Amino acid sequence: MEKIDFKKTLKHLYQASDKKISIIEVPKMQYLMVKGKGSPEDKGYHEAIEALYSAAFTLKFMLKDKKLQPKGYFDFVIPPLESLWSMEEGCFDPSRPDDWIWTAMIIQPDYIHDKLLTTAKKEAMKKKDLPAMSKLILSDLNEGKALQMLHIGPYNEVSDTYSIIIKELQEKGLKVSGQSHEIYLSDPRRVAPEKLRTIVRMAY
């Protein structure tokens, strides 16, 4: 059975230009999510990422057992990490990381359901203590129309790309309707900061 790669089947969501803003329509999709508050440098955010990947890989390999495979099952490549960013005031301010509200997440096939996730979380916790696992949920995200652009460079410079998108929204008379959305296409452990590729998306 061929593995499904969401980056290929949903190309318009996982490909973007660093020169030009794209206007896209984002369908409702299901994600593993962990929510929190504070800087991405904080312990809580890193614990969230660890819990997400542990659950995602546990689900993937657990379902190789045909007895557990739900209707519509297919094997798939683990998608990249994504995050939503916002603030209580509603206007995202990159200069105040301690006040950021975030949701770290990884897309999941529609056939994944809460019962499977509960089993996977228990299995993952048998191997390692994961503090954020208790906060991990399965939830839908329905962004709809959005603008997105590729940012190439360090994460702490992504605000430059946000500024370009916000200016475009203002010129078109559009208002941001959701949280700032980032998709991390590069592995920071293997890629130099100046070459990191991050898709920046803002729904309107």
Foldseek 3Di string as FASTA:
>chain_A
DDAAECCVVVVVVNDAAQVDKDKDFDAKFKKWKFKDAFACVDPVVVLRVVLRVQLVVLLQVVVVPVVPPFPPDDHYDWFFKKKFWAAPVGDDDLVGRRRIIMMIITTDDPRDDDVSSVVSLVVSCVVDPRVRNVRIDMDMDGQTIKMKHKDAAAPSPCVVVVVVRVVVCVVVVHDFDGTWMKTWPDDPVPDPRRGTIIMIMTGD
